Amino acid sequence: MGQVSYGLIVDQGDLEKESGSSAILEEMTGFLGSELEERPAFPYSLHVGIVGLGSGVYLGDGWVLTSAHVGCHSFTLSDGSSYGVEENSWTVLESEVGGSSDLALFKVRVREGSSLSELGEVAVAESTPDNNSQLILAGTGFIQQRKPATLSSNGEVLAVIGYRTKPTRGVSWGLNRLNQIVDAPVETGEAYQTRCITTEFNRSKFEAQAAAGDSGGAIFAWSSIRERWELAGCIIAVTQKGEYVPFGSRTYSADLAFYQDQMPGAELIEFAGFECDSDWWVELELEDEKPKADTPSKVDRLLGSLSLPAVLISAVVPDIWSN
């Protein structure tokens, strides 16, 4: 998010400041081991990439899902390979109340033998995850600064109150739990109304919050009914503004269960008058008050292929504004 996109911010708890991504991964896998040890390997660690100033998720068969406010741009994977947009493929998904949601699809040209051609299809959730469900957040936005933001008095640190981002982008991963299923469409700016789920950034180790550049990023959840990892949400907004991400910030993600019938393979609603690869973006603001609604055998097998920057910032979120 930030100005147009967002980045992921992850609380590392008491993890040593000097430790790198391998140490974070080791801590993270141990932290999750007891809960996720019965779940199969996470299959989508390479599907999240850069779209302009935001993020996107590769669904398979050339299709990329992003937030509509991010705009239509080429799709770049973490290995640096980039894929151009197929002409006239940009499609904004329809809101249930009429008009547009803050979700969009576009198709890219997949070269034979390319990294993208080797990725499988992503399973999209058919139902909304339960409240308090464990979620994996992924985005390509700004990463966080190494040191957390603190409250001090006379040189003594009294409390850790959040993190600050820095203008460096990278694929970041973090954890959180679903804390609210919004029971009415969330308005972002004047153009979009989208059904959402939210997470809240609290001081728990590896808990993540979206930041600038994460818009269009992914929310994955485990379906115990279908026994598979599913793409349950697409990051569209956050509640913080600027580089400071305090604890208590929220990430708003489109609830993809409401848009199943508009995913690839279904009849899509075209959004006329928008040209790909433009410099267009919007900053989205939401009201403060929103309607409320009432885990291989080891995690190192589960998350071992994920790219974890030394400091994760998975923050998708301005006031609510779009990443």
Protein backbone atom coordinates (compact mmCIF):
# COMPACT_ATOMS: atom_id res chain seq x y z
CA MET A 1 0.00 0.00 0.00
CA GLY A 2 1.78 3.17 0.92
CA GLN A 3 1.08 5.38 -2.06
CA VAL A 4 -0.17 2.72 -4.37
CA SER A 5 1.11 -0.56 -3.15
CA TYR A 6 2.04 -2.10 0.13
CA GLY A 7 4.61 -4.21 1.95
CA LEU A 8 4.44 -6.86 4.65
CA ILE A 9 5.49 -6.08 8.19
CA VAL A 10 6.11 -8.92 10.59
CA ASP A 11 6.71 -8.74 14.31
CA GLN A 12 9.81 -10.81 15.12
CA GLY A 13 9.39 -10.75 18.86
CA ASP A 14 12.70 -11.31 20.63
CA LEU A 15 14.50 -12.61 17.55
CA GLU A 16 18.07 -11.29 17.42
CA LYS A 17 18.36 -8.15 15.30
CA GLU A 18 21.45 -9.50 13.53
CA SER A 19 19.86 -12.75 12.43
CA GLY A 20 19.16 -13.19 8.75
CA SER A 21 16.38 -14.84 6.79
CA SER A 22 17.61 -18.38 7.57
CA ALA A 23 17.37 -17.74 11.30
CA ILE A 24 13.93 -16.22 10.91
CA LEU A 25 12.79 -19.20 8.88
CA GLU A 26 14.12 -21.60 11.52
CA GLU A 27 12.31 -19.73 14.27
CA MET A 28 9.15 -19.49 12.20
CA THR A 29 9.04 -23.19 11.36
CA GLY A 30 9.55 -24.11 14.99
CA PHE A 31 6.88 -21.65 16.04
CA LEU A 32 4.37 -23.21 13.63
CA GLY A 33 5.43 -26.83 13.94
CA SER A 34 2.92 -28.06 16.47
CA GLU A 35 -0.03 -26.48 14.66
CA LEU A 36 0.84 -27.25 11.03
CA GLU A 37 2.70 -30.55 11.24
CA GLU A 38 -0.23 -32.54 9.84
CA ARG A 39 -0.69 -30.30 6.80
CA PRO A 40 0.91 -30.92 3.40
CA ALA A 41 3.62 -28.73 1.93
CA PHE A 42 2.58 -25.20 1.01
CA PRO A 43 2.51 -25.20 -2.83
CA TYR A 44 2.26 -21.49 -3.67
CA SER A 45 5.50 -19.96 -2.41
CA LEU A 46 6.49 -18.72 -5.91
CA HIS A 47 3.10 -17.48 -7.14
CA VAL A 48 3.26 -13.93 -5.71
CA GLY A 49 4.99 -11.25 -7.79
CA ILE A 50 5.24 -7.55 -8.56
CA VAL A 51 2.58 -5.68 -10.56
CA GLY A 52 3.59 -2.06 -11.06
CA LEU A 53 3.74 -0.43 -7.63
CA GLY A 54 1.69 -3.26 -6.14
CA SER A 55 1.54 -7.04 -6.03
CA GLY A 56 -0.25 -9.84 -7.84
CA VAL A 57 -0.94 -13.56 -7.54
CA TYR A 58 -0.48 -15.98 -10.44
CA LEU A 59 -3.56 -18.21 -10.64
CA GLY A 60 -2.45 -20.40 -13.53
CA ASP A 61 -3.16 -20.56 -17.28
CA GLY A 62 -1.71 -17.06 -17.72
CA TRP A 63 -4.10 -15.33 -15.29
CA VAL A 64 -2.96 -12.89 -12.59
CA LEU A 65 -5.17 -11.55 -9.80
CA THR A 66 -4.48 -8.13 -8.29
CA SER A 67 -6.25 -5.20 -6.69
CA ALA A 68 -7.99 -3.02 -9.27
CA HIS A 69 -6.44 0.19 -7.91
CA VAL A 70 -2.94 -1.21 -8.59
CA GLY A 71 -3.59 -1.05 -12.32
CA CYS A 72 -2.56 -3.21 -15.26
CA HIS A 73 1.18 -3.82 -15.60
CA SER A 74 3.56 -6.63 -16.42
CA PHE A 75 3.97 -9.40 -13.82
CA THR A 76 7.43 -10.01 -12.35
CA LEU A 77 8.39 -13.05 -10.27
CA SER A 78 10.93 -13.10 -7.46
CA ASP A 79 13.57 -14.55 -9.84
CA GLY A 80 13.34 -11.39 -11.94
CA SER A 81 11.51 -12.93 -14.91
CA SER A 82 8.83 -10.62 -16.27
CA TYR A 83 5.71 -11.34 -18.33
CA GLY A 84 3.86 -8.86 -20.53
CA VAL A 85 0.11 -8.32 -20.50
CA GLU A 86 -2.10 -9.80 -23.19
CA GLU A 87 -4.03 -7.09 -24.99
CA ASN A 88 -7.63 -6.50 -23.85
CA SER A 89 -7.39 -8.96 -20.96
CA TRP A 90 -7.76 -6.43 -18.10
CA THR A 91 -11.00 -7.20 -16.23
CA VAL A 92 -12.35 -5.60 -13.05
CA LEU A 93 -14.62 -7.92 -11.08
CA GLU A 94 -18.16 -6.81 -10.39
CA SER A 95 -19.36 -5.85 -6.91
CA GLU A 96 -22.41 -7.63 -5.52
CA VAL A 97 -24.10 -4.22 -5.04
CA GLY A 98 -23.40 -3.09 -8.60
CA GLY A 99 -20.41 -1.25 -10.00
CA SER A 100 -16.86 -2.46 -9.48
CA SER A 101 -15.03 -4.30 -6.73
CA ASP A 102 -11.38 -3.58 -5.98
CA LEU A 103 -10.35 -6.83 -7.68
CA ALA A 104 -9.02 -7.30 -11.19
CA LEU A 105 -7.74 -10.05 -13.45
CA PHE A 106 -5.44 -9.85 -16.44
CA LYS A 107 -3.66 -12.40 -18.58
CA VAL A 108 0.07 -12.47 -19.27
CA ARG A 109 2.07 -14.06 -22.06
CA VAL A 110 3.67 -17.24 -20.70
CA ARG A 111 6.82 -18.28 -22.52
CA GLU A 112 7.50 -21.98 -22.97
CA GLY A 113 10.13 -23.15 -20.50
CA SER A 114 9.83 -19.99 -18.37
CA SER A 115 9.56 -19.96 -14.58
CA LEU A 116 5.89 -19.04 -14.86
CA SER A 117 5.14 -21.99 -17.12
CA GLU A 118 6.32 -24.31 -14.34
CA LEU A 119 3.88 -23.01 -11.73
CA GLY A 120 0.67 -24.92 -11.08
CA GLU A 121 -2.83 -23.53 -10.68
CA VAL A 122 -3.87 -21.94 -7.41
CA ALA A 123 -6.95 -23.27 -5.63
CA VAL A 124 -9.30 -20.39 -4.84
CA ALA A 125 -11.37 -20.68 -1.66
CA GLU A 126 -15.00 -21.64 -2.14
CA SER A 127 -16.01 -20.43 1.32
CA THR A 128 -14.88 -17.76 3.77
CA PRO A 129 -12.37 -18.97 6.40
CA ASP A 130 -13.65 -19.13 9.97
CA ASN A 131 -12.89 -16.39 12.44
CA ASN A 132 -9.51 -16.92 14.12
CA SER A 133 -8.32 -19.11 11.24
CA GLN A 134 -4.54 -19.18 10.72
CA LEU A 135 -3.62 -17.22 7.58
CA ILE A 136 -0.44 -16.80 5.53
CA LEU A 137 0.02 -13.28 4.08
CA ALA A 138 2.30 -12.62 1.11
CA GLY A 139 3.14 -9.46 -0.79
CA THR A 140 5.93 -7.57 -2.56
CA GLY A 141 5.65 -4.21 -0.82
CA PHE A 142 8.05 -2.19 1.31
CA ILE A 143 9.92 -4.18 3.91
CA GLN A 144 10.33 -3.07 7.49
CA GLN A 145 13.27 -1.41 9.12
CA ARG A 146 15.41 -3.68 11.27
CA LYS A 147 14.66 -1.97 14.55
CA PRO A 148 11.08 -1.64 15.81
CA ALA A 149 9.50 1.69 16.72
CA THR A 150 9.66 2.27 20.47
CA LEU A 151 8.32 4.58 23.16
CA SER A 152 11.18 5.88 25.30
CA SER A 153 11.72 8.13 28.28
CA ASN A 154 15.11 9.52 29.32
CA GLY A 155 16.83 7.06 26.99
CA GLU A 156 14.99 4.06 28.41
CA VAL A 157 12.77 2.00 26.12
CA LEU A 158 9.34 1.67 27.73
CA ALA A 159 7.51 -0.20 25.01
CA VAL A 160 7.68 -1.49 21.42
CA ILE A 161 4.80 0.17 19.60
CA GLY A 162 5.18 -1.01 15.99
CA TYR A 163 7.54 -0.84 13.01
CA ARG A 164 8.56 1.55 10.27
CA THR A 165 8.93 0.65 6.62
CA LYS A 166 11.75 1.50 4.25
CA PRO A 167 11.45 2.00 0.46
CA THR A 168 12.92 -1.40 -0.41
CA ARG A 169 10.68 -4.03 -1.98
CA GLY A 170 10.83 -7.78 -1.73
CA VAL A 171 8.60 -10.84 -1.56
CA SER A 172 7.63 -11.11 2.10
CA TRP A 173 5.65 -13.66 4.10
CA GLY A 174 4.03 -13.53 7.50
CA LEU A 175 1.25 -14.92 9.65
CA ASN A 176 -1.94 -13.66 11.18
CA ARG A 177 -5.43 -14.79 12.10
CA LEU A 178 -8.75 -13.73 10.65
CA ASN A 179 -10.31 -11.39 13.19
CA GLN A 180 -13.32 -9.98 11.33
CA ILE A 181 -15.63 -10.97 8.49
CA VAL A 182 -17.09 -7.70 7.28
CA ASP A 183 -20.78 -8.28 6.54
CA ALA A 184 -21.22 -5.45 4.02
CA PRO A 185 -19.08 -4.26 1.09
CA VAL A 186 -16.16 -2.04 2.09
CA GLU A 187 -15.81 1.18 0.11
CA THR A 188 -12.34 2.10 -1.08
CA GLY A 189 -12.24 5.51 -2.67
CA GLU A 190 -15.27 6.44 -4.72
CA ALA A 191 -15.05 3.64 -7.24
CA TYR A 192 -14.93 0.27 -5.46
CA GLN A 193 -17.10 -1.77 -3.09
CA THR A 194 -15.65 -5.10 -1.99
CA ARG A 195 -16.57 -7.84 0.48
CA CYS A 196 -13.67 -8.18 2.91
CA ILE A 197 -12.03 -10.08 5.71
CA THR A 198 -9.59 -8.40 8.06
CA THR A 199 -6.56 -9.17 10.21
CA GLU A 200 -5.17 -7.06 13.05
CA PHE A 201 -1.47 -6.47 13.72
CA ASN A 202 -0.73 -7.35 17.35
CA ARG A 203 2.54 -8.01 19.15
CA SER A 204 2.78 -11.73 18.47
CA LYS A 205 5.90 -13.25 16.92
CA PHE A 206 5.71 -13.41 13.11
CA GLU A 207 2.33 -11.68 13.02
CA ALA A 208 2.06 -9.72 9.77
CA GLN A 209 0.51 -6.49 8.54
CA ALA A 210 0.34 -5.28 4.96
CA ALA A 211 2.20 -2.12 3.92
CA ALA A 212 2.85 0.04 0.88
CA GLY A 213 3.21 -2.12 -2.24
CA ASP A 214 1.33 -5.12 -0.86
CA SER A 215 -1.98 -4.30 -2.55
CA GLY A 216 -2.85 -7.21 -4.78
CA GLY A 217 -0.96 -9.56 -2.47
CA ALA A 218 -2.28 -12.88 -1.22
CA ILE A 219 -4.02 -14.31 1.83
CA PHE A 220 -3.81 -18.12 2.02
CA ALA A 221 -5.80 -20.37 4.37
CA TRP A 222 -5.94 -24.09 5.04
CA SER A 223 -9.29 -25.74 4.19
CA SER A 224 -9.90 -28.67 6.52
CA ILE A 225 -12.94 -29.63 4.42
CA ARG A 226 -11.04 -29.89 1.13
CA GLU A 227 -7.71 -30.62 2.85
CA ARG A 228 -5.70 -28.15 0.80
CA TRP A 229 -4.17 -24.67 0.92
CA GLU A 230 -6.40 -22.10 -0.77
CA LEU A 231 -6.18 -18.49 -1.88
CA ALA A 232 -8.78 -16.93 0.42
CA GLY A 233 -8.11 -13.22 0.00
CA CYS A 234 -6.46 -10.45 -1.99
CA ILE A 235 -5.03 -7.50 -0.07
CA ILE A 236 -6.70 -4.21 -0.93
CA ALA A 237 -6.23 -1.75 1.96
CA VAL A 238 -4.70 -1.00 5.34
CA THR A 239 -5.51 1.34 8.21
CA GLN A 240 -2.07 2.91 8.75
CA LYS A 241 -0.71 5.81 6.73
CA GLY A 242 2.85 6.58 5.85
CA GLU A 243 5.91 4.64 6.94
CA TYR A 244 4.85 4.04 10.55
CA VAL A 245 2.90 0.81 11.18
CA PRO A 246 1.66 0.68 14.79
CA PHE A 247 0.32 -2.38 16.53
CA GLY A 248 -3.47 -2.38 16.13
CA SER A 249 -3.26 -1.64 12.39
CA ARG A 250 -5.57 -3.70 10.19
CA THR A 251 -5.24 -5.28 6.77
CA TYR A 252 -8.36 -5.45 4.60
CA SER A 253 -8.47 -8.24 2.01
CA ALA A 254 -11.13 -9.07 -0.55
CA ASP A 255 -13.01 -12.23 0.46
CA LEU A 256 -12.56 -14.31 -2.70
CA ALA A 257 -15.38 -16.72 -1.84
CA PHE A 258 -17.75 -13.95 -2.94
CA TYR A 259 -16.10 -13.71 -6.38
CA GLN A 260 -15.79 -17.39 -7.32
CA ASP A 261 -18.17 -17.08 -10.26
CA GLN A 262 -15.99 -14.35 -11.81
CA MET A 263 -12.68 -16.19 -11.58
CA PRO A 264 -10.95 -17.59 -14.71
CA GLY A 265 -13.25 -20.03 -16.47
CA ALA A 266 -16.37 -18.03 -15.62
CA GLU A 267 -17.88 -15.21 -17.65
CA LEU A 268 -16.00 -12.02 -16.76
CA ILE A 269 -17.21 -8.43 -16.63
CA GLU A 270 -14.99 -6.16 -18.72
CA PHE A 271 -13.92 -2.78 -17.41
CA ALA A 272 -13.96 -0.49 -20.40
CA GLY A 273 -11.72 2.48 -20.97
CA PHE A 274 -8.65 1.34 -19.05
CA GLU A 275 -5.31 0.88 -20.78
CA CYS A 276 -2.68 -1.48 -19.41
CA ASP A 277 0.74 -0.27 -18.31
CA SER A 278 -0.51 3.18 -17.36
CA ASP A 279 0.81 5.19 -14.44
CA TRP A 280 -2.62 5.27 -12.85
CA TRP A 281 -3.18 4.74 -9.15
CA VAL A 282 -5.47 5.82 -6.36
CA GLU A 283 -5.22 6.29 -2.63
CA LEU A 284 -8.22 4.76 -0.92
CA GLU A 285 -9.70 5.94 2.33
CA LEU A 286 -12.34 4.15 4.38
CA GLU A 287 -14.48 5.15 7.27
CA ASP A 288 -13.13 4.27 10.70
CA GLU A 289 -16.18 2.27 11.68
CA LYS A 290 -16.89 -0.87 9.66
CA PRO A 291 -19.77 -3.31 10.02
CA LYS A 292 -18.72 -6.29 12.12
CA ALA A 293 -19.70 -9.93 11.75
CA ASP A 294 -20.55 -11.85 14.43
CA THR A 295 -0.98 -26.96 9.33
CA PRO A 296 4.71 -32.24 5.18
CA SER A 297 5.19 -33.48 8.66
CA LYS A 298 7.43 -30.54 9.61
CA VAL A 299 6.88 -26.87 8.97
CA ASP A 300 10.32 -26.63 7.41
CA ARG A 301 8.85 -28.77 4.65
CA LEU A 302 5.80 -26.54 4.62
CA LEU A 303 7.56 -23.19 4.48
CA GLY A 304 11.10 -24.14 3.54
CA SER A 305 10.80 -22.77 0.01
CA LEU A 306 9.49 -19.36 1.07
CA SER A 307 11.72 -16.34 0.62
CA LEU A 308 11.94 -14.56 3.96
CA PRO A 309 13.68 -11.18 4.00
CA ALA A 310 15.67 -10.43 7.14
CA VAL A 311 12.84 -8.16 8.15
CA LEU A 312 9.36 -8.89 6.92
CA ILE A 313 6.88 -6.15 6.31
CA SER A 314 3.70 -7.44 4.94
CA ALA A 315 1.69 -4.35 5.21
CA VAL A 316 -1.17 -3.62 2.99
CA VAL A 317 -2.76 -0.68 4.45
CA PRO A 318 -3.33 3.01 4.56
CA ASP A 319 -6.32 4.44 6.69
CA ILE A 320 -7.99 2.43 4.99
CA TRP A 321 -6.12 3.10 2.00
CA SER A 322 -4.99 1.04 -0.88
CA ASN A 323 -1.53 -0.32 -0.97
